[in-house]
Amino acid sequence: MKKIILCTIAIMVFGFANAQKTRFGVKGGLNIATINGLDDANALIGFQLGGFAEINIWKKLFIQPELVYSAQGAKFDRYYGDPGFTVNLDYINVPVLAKYYITKQFTVEAGPQLGFLVSSKNINNEKSVDLGFNFGAGYNFTDNFSAGIRYTVGLTNVYDTHYDYNNDDYYGDYLDNRRTNGVLALTAAYKF
């Protein structure tokens, strides 16, 4: 997994070096995360921190690749009989967004995201790669400082398998048993 992350960074740096009108930045903020498809899943408060590049490709249209550490998961009042259970999933996410400036201050964005699981707590059959889709909006207070809101819809199952407690058996990753990440992020960013 380290090779994949390093290759991704190298490709982004090479692409940014050749692009005109590219700005780099750092971002961080609050995650409100859950695992969709599980009964009684409550929001887990986490954080994210990372960097990005904003590459102007045509007039008001930009591509914004990012590299972000993201703390995700969910809290449960009861998790298959276990009270007060928390699932912590930490990812290195690589979203690539199309970003459009509606005005100089207001932006909208959307795009896919690839996530690599770097650590987990309280589950043991999670997948190491997560695919999602982002959509969001931002507001630029100055040329350098902005704030944003984004929702990530998980597209792949968090778990490799699902345990059926009624039949005491494992079964595969079927569509009717999907357990996907859902993350609402509130962030602040600074562009250099």
N, C-alpha and C. Protein backbone atom coordinates (compact mmCIF):
# COMPACT_ATOMS: atom_id res chain seq x y z
N MET A 1 0.82 -1.19 0.00
CA MET A 1 0.00 0.00 0.00
C MET A 1 0.87 1.26 0.00
N LYS A 2 2.02 1.21 0.65
CA LYS A 2 2.90 2.37 0.66
C LYS A 2 3.35 2.72 -0.75
N LYS A 3 3.60 1.67 -1.58
CA LYS A 3 4.01 1.92 -2.97
C LYS A 3 2.91 2.62 -3.75
N ILE A 4 1.66 2.23 -3.52
CA ILE A 4 0.54 2.86 -4.22
C ILE A 4 0.44 4.33 -3.84
N ILE A 5 0.55 4.62 -2.56
CA ILE A 5 0.46 6.01 -2.10
C ILE A 5 1.62 6.84 -2.65
N LEU A 6 2.84 6.29 -2.60
CA LEU A 6 3.99 7.02 -3.13
C LEU A 6 3.88 7.25 -4.63
N CYS A 7 3.39 6.26 -5.37
CA CYS A 7 3.20 6.42 -6.82
C CYS A 7 2.15 7.49 -7.10
N THR A 8 1.08 7.52 -6.33
CA THR A 8 0.04 8.53 -6.50
C THR A 8 0.60 9.92 -6.26
N ILE A 9 1.37 10.08 -5.21
CA ILE A 9 1.99 11.37 -4.91
C ILE A 9 2.93 11.79 -6.03
N ALA A 10 3.75 10.86 -6.52
CA ALA A 10 4.70 11.18 -7.60
C ALA A 10 3.98 11.62 -8.87
N ILE A 11 2.91 10.93 -9.21
CA ILE A 11 2.13 11.30 -10.41
C ILE A 11 1.52 12.68 -10.25
N MET A 12 0.96 12.97 -9.06
CA MET A 12 0.35 14.28 -8.83
C MET A 12 1.41 15.39 -8.89
N VAL A 13 2.57 15.17 -8.28
CA VAL A 13 3.62 16.19 -8.28
C VAL A 13 4.10 16.45 -9.70
N PHE A 14 4.30 15.39 -10.50
CA PHE A 14 4.74 15.56 -11.88
C PHE A 14 3.69 16.32 -12.69
N GLY A 15 2.42 15.97 -12.50
CA GLY A 15 1.34 16.66 -13.22
C GLY A 15 1.24 18.12 -12.82
N PHE A 16 1.41 18.41 -11.54
CA PHE A 16 1.30 19.78 -11.06
C PHE A 16 2.45 20.64 -11.58
N ALA A 17 3.63 20.03 -11.68
CA ALA A 17 4.79 20.79 -12.13
C ALA A 17 4.61 21.26 -13.57
N ASN A 18 3.86 20.51 -14.37
CA ASN A 18 3.66 20.86 -15.77
C ASN A 18 2.40 21.68 -16.01
N ALA A 19 1.59 21.86 -15.04
CA ALA A 19 0.32 22.58 -15.22
C ALA A 19 0.51 24.08 -14.99
N GLN A 20 -0.24 24.87 -15.77
CA GLN A 20 -0.24 26.31 -15.55
C GLN A 20 -1.34 26.65 -14.58
N LYS A 21 -1.19 27.77 -13.89
CA LYS A 21 -2.19 28.25 -12.94
C LYS A 21 -2.56 27.19 -11.91
N THR A 22 -1.56 26.64 -11.29
CA THR A 22 -1.76 25.64 -10.24
C THR A 22 -1.41 26.26 -8.89
N ARG A 23 -2.30 26.05 -7.93
CA ARG A 23 -2.05 26.49 -6.56
C ARG A 23 -2.12 25.28 -5.65
N PHE A 24 -1.27 25.28 -4.64
CA PHE A 24 -1.25 24.21 -3.66
C PHE A 24 -1.83 24.72 -2.35
N GLY A 25 -2.31 23.79 -1.53
CA GLY A 25 -2.87 24.21 -0.27
C GLY A 25 -2.93 23.08 0.74
N VAL A 26 -3.31 23.46 1.95
CA VAL A 26 -3.53 22.50 3.04
C VAL A 26 -4.96 22.67 3.52
N LYS A 27 -5.50 21.59 4.06
CA LYS A 27 -6.88 21.64 4.55
C LYS A 27 -7.03 20.75 5.77
N GLY A 28 -8.03 21.03 6.55
CA GLY A 28 -8.33 20.21 7.71
C GLY A 28 -9.74 20.52 8.18
N GLY A 29 -10.29 19.60 8.95
CA GLY A 29 -11.63 19.86 9.44
C GLY A 29 -12.24 18.70 10.17
N LEU A 30 -13.54 18.80 10.31
CA LEU A 30 -14.35 17.89 11.10
C LEU A 30 -15.08 16.90 10.20
N ASN A 31 -15.04 15.62 10.56
CA ASN A 31 -15.83 14.58 9.88
C ASN A 31 -16.99 14.17 10.78
N ILE A 32 -18.17 14.02 10.17
CA ILE A 32 -19.31 13.41 10.84
C ILE A 32 -19.60 12.16 10.02
N ALA A 33 -19.16 11.01 10.54
CA ALA A 33 -19.14 9.77 9.76
C ALA A 33 -20.10 8.74 10.31
N THR A 34 -20.51 7.83 9.43
CA THR A 34 -21.31 6.67 9.83
C THR A 34 -21.07 5.54 8.84
N ILE A 35 -21.58 4.37 9.16
CA ILE A 35 -21.56 3.24 8.24
C ILE A 35 -23.01 2.97 7.87
N ASN A 36 -23.37 3.28 6.64
CA ASN A 36 -24.74 3.09 6.16
C ASN A 36 -25.04 1.61 6.00
N GLY A 37 -26.27 1.23 6.24
CA GLY A 37 -26.69 -0.15 6.07
C GLY A 37 -26.62 -0.98 7.34
N LEU A 38 -26.13 -0.40 8.41
CA LEU A 38 -26.11 -1.10 9.70
C LEU A 38 -27.16 -0.48 10.62
N ASP A 39 -27.99 -1.31 11.22
CA ASP A 39 -29.01 -0.82 12.14
C ASP A 39 -28.35 -0.14 13.35
N ASP A 40 -28.97 0.92 13.79
CA ASP A 40 -28.53 1.63 14.99
C ASP A 40 -27.16 2.29 14.88
N ALA A 41 -26.68 2.53 13.64
CA ALA A 41 -25.40 3.23 13.48
C ALA A 41 -25.61 4.71 13.73
N ASN A 42 -24.81 5.26 14.62
CA ASN A 42 -24.87 6.68 14.96
C ASN A 42 -23.61 7.37 14.44
N ALA A 43 -23.68 8.68 14.35
CA ALA A 43 -22.56 9.47 13.85
C ALA A 43 -21.36 9.37 14.79
N LEU A 44 -20.20 9.27 14.18
CA LEU A 44 -18.93 9.31 14.89
C LEU A 44 -18.20 10.58 14.46
N ILE A 45 -17.78 11.38 15.41
CA ILE A 45 -17.06 12.61 15.10
C ILE A 45 -15.58 12.28 14.94
N GLY A 46 -15.01 12.69 13.81
CA GLY A 46 -13.59 12.47 13.53
C GLY A 46 -13.01 13.73 12.91
N PHE A 47 -11.89 13.57 12.27
CA PHE A 47 -11.24 14.72 11.64
C PHE A 47 -10.60 14.30 10.34
N GLN A 48 -10.18 15.27 9.56
CA GLN A 48 -9.39 15.02 8.38
C GLN A 48 -8.33 16.10 8.25
N LEU A 49 -7.21 15.73 7.62
CA LEU A 49 -6.09 16.65 7.46
C LEU A 49 -5.31 16.23 6.23
N GLY A 50 -4.96 17.20 5.39
CA GLY A 50 -4.22 16.84 4.19
C GLY A 50 -3.85 18.03 3.33
N GLY A 51 -3.50 17.73 2.08
CA GLY A 51 -3.10 18.74 1.13
C GLY A 51 -3.81 18.56 -0.19
N PHE A 52 -3.73 19.59 -1.03
CA PHE A 52 -4.41 19.54 -2.33
C PHE A 52 -3.71 20.45 -3.31
N ALA A 53 -4.07 20.29 -4.57
CA ALA A 53 -3.66 21.20 -5.63
C ALA A 53 -4.92 21.62 -6.37
N GLU A 54 -4.94 22.86 -6.81
CA GLU A 54 -6.06 23.39 -7.57
C GLU A 54 -5.51 23.77 -8.95
N ILE A 55 -5.90 23.01 -9.97
CA ILE A 55 -5.34 23.15 -11.31
C ILE A 55 -6.40 23.72 -12.25
N ASN A 56 -6.15 24.90 -12.77
CA ASN A 56 -7.09 25.53 -13.70
C ASN A 56 -6.96 24.87 -15.07
N ILE A 57 -8.07 24.30 -15.55
CA ILE A 57 -8.01 23.65 -16.85
C ILE A 57 -8.78 24.40 -17.93
N TRP A 58 -9.77 25.21 -17.52
CA TRP A 58 -10.51 25.99 -18.50
C TRP A 58 -11.38 27.01 -17.80
N LYS A 59 -11.10 28.28 -18.01
CA LYS A 59 -11.86 29.39 -17.44
C LYS A 59 -12.13 29.19 -15.95
N LYS A 60 -13.38 28.90 -15.59
CA LYS A 60 -13.76 28.75 -14.18
C LYS A 60 -13.73 27.30 -13.69
N LEU A 61 -13.26 26.38 -14.53
CA LEU A 61 -13.24 24.96 -14.20
C LEU A 61 -11.83 24.54 -13.76
N PHE A 62 -11.77 23.86 -12.62
CA PHE A 62 -10.51 23.41 -12.03
C PHE A 62 -10.61 21.91 -11.73
N ILE A 63 -9.46 21.25 -11.68
CA ILE A 63 -9.35 19.89 -11.15
C ILE A 63 -8.61 20.02 -9.82
N GLN A 64 -9.16 19.35 -8.80
CA GLN A 64 -8.55 19.44 -7.47
C GLN A 64 -8.27 18.04 -6.93
N PRO A 65 -7.05 17.50 -7.16
CA PRO A 65 -6.68 16.25 -6.50
C PRO A 65 -6.22 16.54 -5.07
N GLU A 66 -6.49 15.59 -4.18
CA GLU A 66 -6.14 15.77 -2.77
C GLU A 66 -5.51 14.50 -2.22
N LEU A 67 -4.80 14.65 -1.14
CA LEU A 67 -4.28 13.53 -0.35
C LEU A 67 -4.63 13.85 1.09
N VAL A 68 -5.56 13.06 1.69
CA VAL A 68 -6.15 13.43 2.98
C VAL A 68 -6.19 12.23 3.92
N TYR A 69 -5.74 12.43 5.16
CA TYR A 69 -5.95 11.46 6.22
C TYR A 69 -7.34 11.71 6.79
N SER A 70 -8.15 10.65 6.92
CA SER A 70 -9.54 10.82 7.36
C SER A 70 -9.91 9.78 8.41
N ALA A 71 -10.37 10.25 9.58
CA ALA A 71 -10.83 9.38 10.65
C ALA A 71 -12.34 9.19 10.49
N GLN A 72 -12.78 7.95 10.25
CA GLN A 72 -14.17 7.63 9.95
C GLN A 72 -14.64 6.49 10.84
N GLY A 73 -15.87 6.01 10.59
CA GLY A 73 -16.42 4.90 11.34
C GLY A 73 -17.84 5.17 11.79
N ALA A 74 -18.23 4.60 12.92
CA ALA A 74 -19.58 4.80 13.45
C ALA A 74 -19.62 4.39 14.92
N LYS A 75 -20.63 4.91 15.63
CA LYS A 75 -20.91 4.52 17.01
C LYS A 75 -22.23 3.76 17.02
N PHE A 76 -22.35 2.82 17.96
CA PHE A 76 -23.56 2.02 18.07
C PHE A 76 -24.00 1.95 19.52
N ASP A 77 -25.29 2.13 19.75
CA ASP A 77 -25.83 1.90 21.09
C ASP A 77 -25.70 0.42 21.42
N ARG A 78 -25.99 -0.41 20.41
CA ARG A 78 -25.87 -1.86 20.52
C ARG A 78 -25.38 -2.37 19.19
N TYR A 79 -24.34 -3.20 19.21
CA TYR A 79 -23.77 -3.77 17.99
C TYR A 79 -23.76 -5.28 18.18
N TYR A 80 -24.78 -5.93 17.66
CA TYR A 80 -24.94 -7.39 17.81
C TYR A 80 -24.78 -7.81 19.27
N GLY A 81 -25.49 -7.08 20.15
CA GLY A 81 -25.49 -7.43 21.57
C GLY A 81 -24.44 -6.73 22.41
N ASP A 82 -23.49 -6.05 21.77
CA ASP A 82 -22.42 -5.36 22.51
C ASP A 82 -22.81 -3.90 22.69
N PRO A 83 -23.08 -3.44 23.91
CA PRO A 83 -23.49 -2.04 24.12
C PRO A 83 -22.32 -1.07 24.02
N GLY A 84 -22.61 0.14 23.57
CA GLY A 84 -21.60 1.19 23.51
C GLY A 84 -20.41 0.87 22.63
N PHE A 85 -20.64 0.33 21.45
CA PHE A 85 -19.59 -0.14 20.56
C PHE A 85 -19.21 0.95 19.57
N THR A 86 -17.91 1.14 19.30
CA THR A 86 -17.42 2.12 18.34
C THR A 86 -16.55 1.42 17.31
N VAL A 87 -16.79 1.72 16.04
CA VAL A 87 -15.95 1.23 14.94
C VAL A 87 -15.14 2.41 14.43
N ASN A 88 -13.81 2.32 14.52
CA ASN A 88 -12.92 3.37 14.02
C ASN A 88 -12.22 2.87 12.77
N LEU A 89 -12.32 3.63 11.69
CA LEU A 89 -11.67 3.31 10.42
C LEU A 89 -10.88 4.54 9.98
N ASP A 90 -9.58 4.40 9.83
CA ASP A 90 -8.73 5.50 9.40
C ASP A 90 -8.25 5.24 7.98
N TYR A 91 -8.46 6.22 7.10
CA TYR A 91 -8.13 6.08 5.69
C TYR A 91 -7.16 7.16 5.24
N ILE A 92 -6.38 6.85 4.22
CA ILE A 92 -5.72 7.85 3.39
C ILE A 92 -6.59 7.91 2.14
N ASN A 93 -7.27 9.04 1.95
CA ASN A 93 -8.18 9.22 0.82
C ASN A 93 -7.53 10.06 -0.26
N VAL A 94 -7.81 9.67 -1.51
CA VAL A 94 -7.31 10.39 -2.68
C VAL A 94 -8.51 10.78 -3.55
N PRO A 95 -9.18 11.89 -3.23
CA PRO A 95 -10.25 12.36 -4.10
C PRO A 95 -9.68 13.16 -5.28
N VAL A 96 -10.36 13.08 -6.41
CA VAL A 96 -10.03 13.91 -7.57
C VAL A 96 -11.34 14.57 -7.98
N LEU A 97 -11.41 15.89 -7.77
CA LEU A 97 -12.66 16.62 -7.91
C LEU A 97 -12.64 17.56 -9.11
N ALA A 98 -13.77 17.68 -9.76
CA ALA A 98 -13.99 18.77 -10.70
C ALA A 98 -14.59 19.90 -9.88
N LYS A 99 -13.97 21.07 -9.95
CA LYS A 99 -14.38 22.21 -9.13
C LYS A 99 -14.73 23.38 -10.05
N TYR A 100 -15.90 23.94 -9.84
CA TYR A 100 -16.35 25.04 -10.69
C TYR A 100 -16.63 26.28 -9.85
N TYR A 101 -16.06 27.41 -10.28
CA TYR A 101 -16.28 28.69 -9.60
C TYR A 101 -17.54 29.33 -10.18
N ILE A 102 -18.64 29.28 -9.44
CA ILE A 102 -19.88 29.94 -9.86
C ILE A 102 -19.69 31.45 -9.81
N THR A 103 -19.10 31.91 -8.73
CA THR A 103 -18.64 33.30 -8.59
C THR A 103 -17.22 33.24 -8.05
N LYS A 104 -16.60 34.37 -7.84
CA LYS A 104 -15.24 34.37 -7.29
C LYS A 104 -15.22 33.76 -5.89
N GLN A 105 -16.33 33.89 -5.15
CA GLN A 105 -16.38 33.37 -3.78
C GLN A 105 -16.97 31.96 -3.68
N PHE A 106 -17.96 31.63 -4.50
CA PHE A 106 -18.72 30.39 -4.31
C PHE A 106 -18.33 29.33 -5.34
N THR A 107 -18.03 28.10 -4.84
CA THR A 107 -17.66 26.98 -5.71
C THR A 107 -18.53 25.77 -5.44
N VAL A 108 -18.64 24.91 -6.44
CA VAL A 108 -19.25 23.59 -6.29
C VAL A 108 -18.25 22.57 -6.80
N GLU A 109 -18.33 21.34 -6.28
CA GLU A 109 -17.36 20.32 -6.64
C GLU A 109 -17.98 18.93 -6.60
N ALA A 110 -17.42 18.03 -7.40
CA ALA A 110 -17.86 16.64 -7.40
C ALA A 110 -16.76 15.79 -8.01
N GLY A 111 -16.68 14.54 -7.57
CA GLY A 111 -15.70 13.63 -8.14
C GLY A 111 -15.49 12.37 -7.32
N PRO A 112 -14.79 11.40 -7.92
CA PRO A 112 -14.56 10.12 -7.25
C PRO A 112 -13.46 10.21 -6.20
N GLN A 113 -13.42 9.19 -5.36
CA GLN A 113 -12.42 9.11 -4.30
C GLN A 113 -12.00 7.66 -4.10
N LEU A 114 -10.71 7.46 -3.95
CA LEU A 114 -10.15 6.16 -3.63
C LEU A 114 -9.56 6.25 -2.23
N GLY A 115 -9.94 5.34 -1.35
CA GLY A 115 -9.46 5.37 0.03
C GLY A 115 -8.69 4.10 0.37
N PHE A 116 -7.60 4.27 1.11
CA PHE A 116 -6.78 3.15 1.55
C PHE A 116 -6.84 3.07 3.07
N LEU A 117 -7.34 1.94 3.58
CA LEU A 117 -7.46 1.76 5.03
C LEU A 117 -6.07 1.62 5.64
N VAL A 118 -5.76 2.48 6.63
CA VAL A 118 -4.45 2.41 7.29
C VAL A 118 -4.55 1.84 8.69
N SER A 119 -5.72 1.93 9.32
CA SER A 119 -5.92 1.28 10.62
C SER A 119 -7.41 1.14 10.90
N SER A 120 -7.73 0.17 11.74
CA SER A 120 -9.12 -0.04 12.14
C SER A 120 -9.16 -0.53 13.57
N LYS A 121 -10.29 -0.27 14.23
CA LYS A 121 -10.46 -0.71 15.61
C LYS A 121 -11.86 -1.30 15.74
N ASN A 122 -11.93 -2.49 16.31
CA ASN A 122 -13.17 -3.18 16.66
C ASN A 122 -13.85 -3.90 15.52
N ILE A 123 -13.22 -3.99 14.36
CA ILE A 123 -13.71 -4.92 13.33
C ILE A 123 -12.49 -5.59 12.72
N ASN A 124 -12.68 -6.75 12.10
CA ASN A 124 -11.52 -7.46 11.58
C ASN A 124 -11.72 -8.01 10.18
N ASN A 125 -12.84 -7.72 9.54
CA ASN A 125 -13.03 -8.22 8.18
C ASN A 125 -13.30 -7.09 7.20
N GLU A 126 -12.70 -5.92 7.47
CA GLU A 126 -12.90 -4.76 6.62
C GLU A 126 -12.04 -4.86 5.36
N LYS A 127 -12.49 -4.19 4.31
CA LYS A 127 -11.72 -4.13 3.07
C LYS A 127 -10.62 -3.08 3.20
N SER A 128 -9.53 -3.30 2.52
CA SER A 128 -8.40 -2.37 2.60
C SER A 128 -8.53 -1.20 1.63
N VAL A 129 -9.45 -1.29 0.67
CA VAL A 129 -9.65 -0.21 -0.31
C VAL A 129 -11.13 0.17 -0.32
N ASP A 130 -11.38 1.47 -0.33
CA ASP A 130 -12.75 1.98 -0.32
C ASP A 130 -12.92 2.95 -1.49
N LEU A 131 -14.03 2.81 -2.20
CA LEU A 131 -14.34 3.70 -3.31
C LEU A 131 -15.55 4.54 -2.94
N GLY A 132 -15.49 5.84 -3.23
CA GLY A 132 -16.59 6.73 -2.91
C GLY A 132 -16.77 7.80 -3.96
N PHE A 133 -17.83 8.58 -3.80
CA PHE A 133 -18.08 9.72 -4.67
C PHE A 133 -18.41 10.93 -3.81
N ASN A 134 -17.77 12.06 -4.12
CA ASN A 134 -17.92 13.29 -3.35
C ASN A 134 -18.74 14.32 -4.10
N PHE A 135 -19.50 15.09 -3.34
CA PHE A 135 -20.10 16.31 -3.88
C PHE A 135 -20.15 17.33 -2.76
N GLY A 136 -19.93 18.61 -3.13
CA GLY A 136 -19.87 19.62 -2.09
C GLY A 136 -19.86 21.02 -2.63
N ALA A 137 -19.62 21.97 -1.73
CA ALA A 137 -19.59 23.39 -2.07
C ALA A 137 -18.57 24.08 -1.17
N GLY A 138 -18.11 25.23 -1.62
CA GLY A 138 -17.15 25.98 -0.84
C GLY A 138 -17.37 27.47 -0.95
N TYR A 139 -16.79 28.17 0.00
CA TYR A 139 -16.86 29.63 -0.01
C TYR A 139 -15.46 30.18 0.24
N ASN A 140 -15.00 31.08 -0.64
CA ASN A 140 -13.68 31.70 -0.54
C ASN A 140 -13.81 33.05 0.16
N PHE A 141 -13.30 33.14 1.37
CA PHE A 141 -13.33 34.39 2.11
C PHE A 141 -12.31 35.39 1.55
N THR A 142 -11.15 34.86 1.14
CA THR A 142 -10.09 35.65 0.50
C THR A 142 -9.53 34.80 -0.64
N ASP A 143 -8.51 35.29 -1.31
CA ASP A 143 -7.86 34.49 -2.36
C ASP A 143 -7.16 33.26 -1.78
N ASN A 144 -6.84 33.32 -0.49
CA ASN A 144 -6.09 32.21 0.12
C ASN A 144 -6.92 31.35 1.07
N PHE A 145 -7.89 31.91 1.76
CA PHE A 145 -8.61 31.18 2.80
C PHE A 145 -10.03 30.85 2.36
N SER A 146 -10.42 29.57 2.55
CA SER A 146 -11.77 29.13 2.17
C SER A 146 -12.30 28.12 3.18
N ALA A 147 -13.60 27.89 3.12
CA ALA A 147 -14.27 26.87 3.92
C ALA A 147 -15.15 26.05 3.00
N GLY A 148 -15.37 24.80 3.37
CA GLY A 148 -16.17 23.95 2.50
C GLY A 148 -16.98 22.93 3.26
N ILE A 149 -17.98 22.41 2.56
CA ILE A 149 -18.80 21.31 3.06
C ILE A 149 -18.85 20.27 1.96
N ARG A 150 -18.69 19.00 2.34
CA ARG A 150 -18.65 17.93 1.35
C ARG A 150 -19.27 16.67 1.95
N TYR A 151 -19.98 15.93 1.11
CA TYR A 151 -20.50 14.63 1.53
C TYR A 151 -19.89 13.56 0.64
N THR A 152 -19.39 12.51 1.27
CA THR A 152 -18.83 11.37 0.55
C THR A 152 -19.79 10.20 0.67
N VAL A 153 -20.26 9.72 -0.46
CA VAL A 153 -21.14 8.55 -0.53
C VAL A 153 -20.26 7.34 -0.80
N GLY A 154 -20.27 6.37 0.10
CA GLY A 154 -19.51 5.14 -0.12
C GLY A 154 -20.13 4.30 -1.22
N LEU A 155 -19.29 3.78 -2.10
CA LEU A 155 -19.77 2.96 -3.22
C LEU A 155 -19.43 1.48 -3.05
N THR A 156 -18.51 1.17 -2.16
CA THR A 156 -18.14 -0.22 -1.94
C THR A 156 -18.39 -0.61 -0.48
N ASN A 157 -18.54 -1.89 -0.27
CA ASN A 157 -18.80 -2.41 1.06
C ASN A 157 -17.57 -2.23 1.95
N VAL A 158 -17.79 -1.80 3.18
CA VAL A 158 -16.71 -1.64 4.14
C VAL A 158 -16.13 -3.00 4.50
N TYR A 159 -16.97 -4.04 4.56
CA TYR A 159 -16.56 -5.37 5.00
C TYR A 159 -16.34 -6.31 3.82
N ASP A 160 -15.36 -7.23 3.97
CA ASP A 160 -15.15 -8.27 2.97
C ASP A 160 -16.31 -9.25 2.96
N THR A 161 -16.80 -9.60 4.14
CA THR A 161 -17.92 -10.52 4.28
C THR A 161 -18.85 -9.97 5.34
N HIS A 162 -20.03 -10.55 5.41
CA HIS A 162 -20.99 -10.15 6.43
C HIS A 162 -21.41 -11.40 7.20
N TYR A 163 -21.48 -11.27 8.48
CA TYR A 163 -21.85 -12.40 9.32
C TYR A 163 -23.35 -12.40 9.55
N ASP A 164 -24.01 -13.49 9.24
CA ASP A 164 -25.45 -13.65 9.45
C ASP A 164 -25.64 -14.35 10.80
N TYR A 165 -25.99 -13.58 11.83
CA TYR A 165 -26.13 -14.13 13.17
C TYR A 165 -27.33 -15.06 13.29
N ASN A 166 -28.33 -14.89 12.43
CA ASN A 166 -29.50 -15.76 12.49
C ASN A 166 -29.17 -17.17 12.00
N ASN A 167 -28.32 -17.27 10.97
CA ASN A 167 -27.98 -18.59 10.41
C ASN A 167 -26.59 -19.05 10.82
N ASP A 168 -25.90 -18.24 11.67
CA ASP A 168 -24.56 -18.57 12.14
C ASP A 168 -23.63 -18.91 10.98
N ASP A 169 -23.56 -18.00 9.99
CA ASP A 169 -22.78 -18.29 8.79
C ASP A 169 -22.28 -16.99 8.17
N TYR A 170 -21.16 -17.07 7.47
CA TYR A 170 -20.66 -15.94 6.69
C TYR A 170 -21.16 -16.06 5.27
N TYR A 171 -21.41 -14.92 4.66
CA TYR A 171 -21.72 -14.93 3.23
C TYR A 171 -21.07 -13.73 2.58
N GLY A 172 -21.01 -13.75 1.28
CA GLY A 172 -20.22 -12.77 0.53
C GLY A 172 -20.81 -11.38 0.51
N ASP A 173 -20.18 -10.55 -0.30
CA ASP A 173 -20.50 -9.13 -0.41
C ASP A 173 -21.66 -8.94 -1.40
N TYR A 174 -22.88 -9.17 -0.96
CA TYR A 174 -24.05 -9.04 -1.82
C TYR A 174 -24.63 -7.64 -1.70
N LEU A 175 -25.31 -7.20 -2.75
CA LEU A 175 -25.83 -5.84 -2.78
C LEU A 175 -26.82 -5.57 -1.66
N ASP A 176 -27.63 -6.55 -1.26
CA ASP A 176 -28.62 -6.30 -0.22
C ASP A 176 -28.01 -6.26 1.18
N ASN A 177 -26.72 -6.50 1.29
CA ASN A 177 -26.05 -6.47 2.59
C ASN A 177 -24.94 -5.43 2.61
N ARG A 178 -25.10 -4.38 1.84
CA ARG A 178 -24.05 -3.36 1.73
C ARG A 178 -23.91 -2.56 3.02
N ARG A 179 -22.67 -2.36 3.41
CA ARG A 179 -22.31 -1.54 4.56
C ARG A 179 -21.30 -0.53 4.04
N THR A 180 -21.74 0.69 3.76
CA THR A 180 -20.88 1.68 3.10
C THR A 180 -20.60 2.86 4.01
N ASN A 181 -19.44 3.49 3.79
CA ASN A 181 -19.08 4.69 4.51
C ASN A 181 -19.94 5.86 4.05
N GLY A 182 -20.28 6.72 4.97
CA GLY A 182 -20.94 7.99 4.66
C GLY A 182 -20.28 9.05 5.53
N VAL A 183 -19.74 10.10 4.90
CA VAL A 183 -18.98 11.11 5.64
C VAL A 183 -19.40 12.51 5.22
N LEU A 184 -19.83 13.30 6.18
CA LEU A 184 -20.06 14.73 5.97
C LEU A 184 -18.84 15.44 6.55
N ALA A 185 -18.17 16.25 5.71
CA ALA A 185 -16.95 16.93 6.15
C ALA A 185 -17.15 18.44 6.10
N LEU A 186 -16.73 19.10 7.17
CA LEU A 186 -16.71 20.56 7.25
C LEU A 186 -15.25 20.96 7.38
N THR A 187 -14.73 21.69 6.38
CA THR A 187 -13.30 21.93 6.34
C THR A 187 -12.94 23.40 6.15
N ALA A 188 -11.72 23.72 6.51
CA ALA A 188 -11.12 25.02 6.22
C ALA A 188 -9.85 24.73 5.42
N ALA A 189 -9.55 25.60 4.45
CA ALA A 189 -8.39 25.38 3.59
C ALA A 189 -7.62 26.68 3.40
N TYR A 190 -6.31 26.52 3.20
CA TYR A 190 -5.45 27.67 2.92
C TYR A 190 -4.62 27.36 1.68
N LYS A 191 -4.72 28.23 0.65
CA LYS A 191 -3.96 28.08 -0.59
C LYS A 191 -2.75 29.00 -0.55
N PHE A 192 -1.61 28.48 -0.98
CA PHE A 192 -0.38 29.27 -1.03
C PHE A 192 -0.27 30.07 -2.31
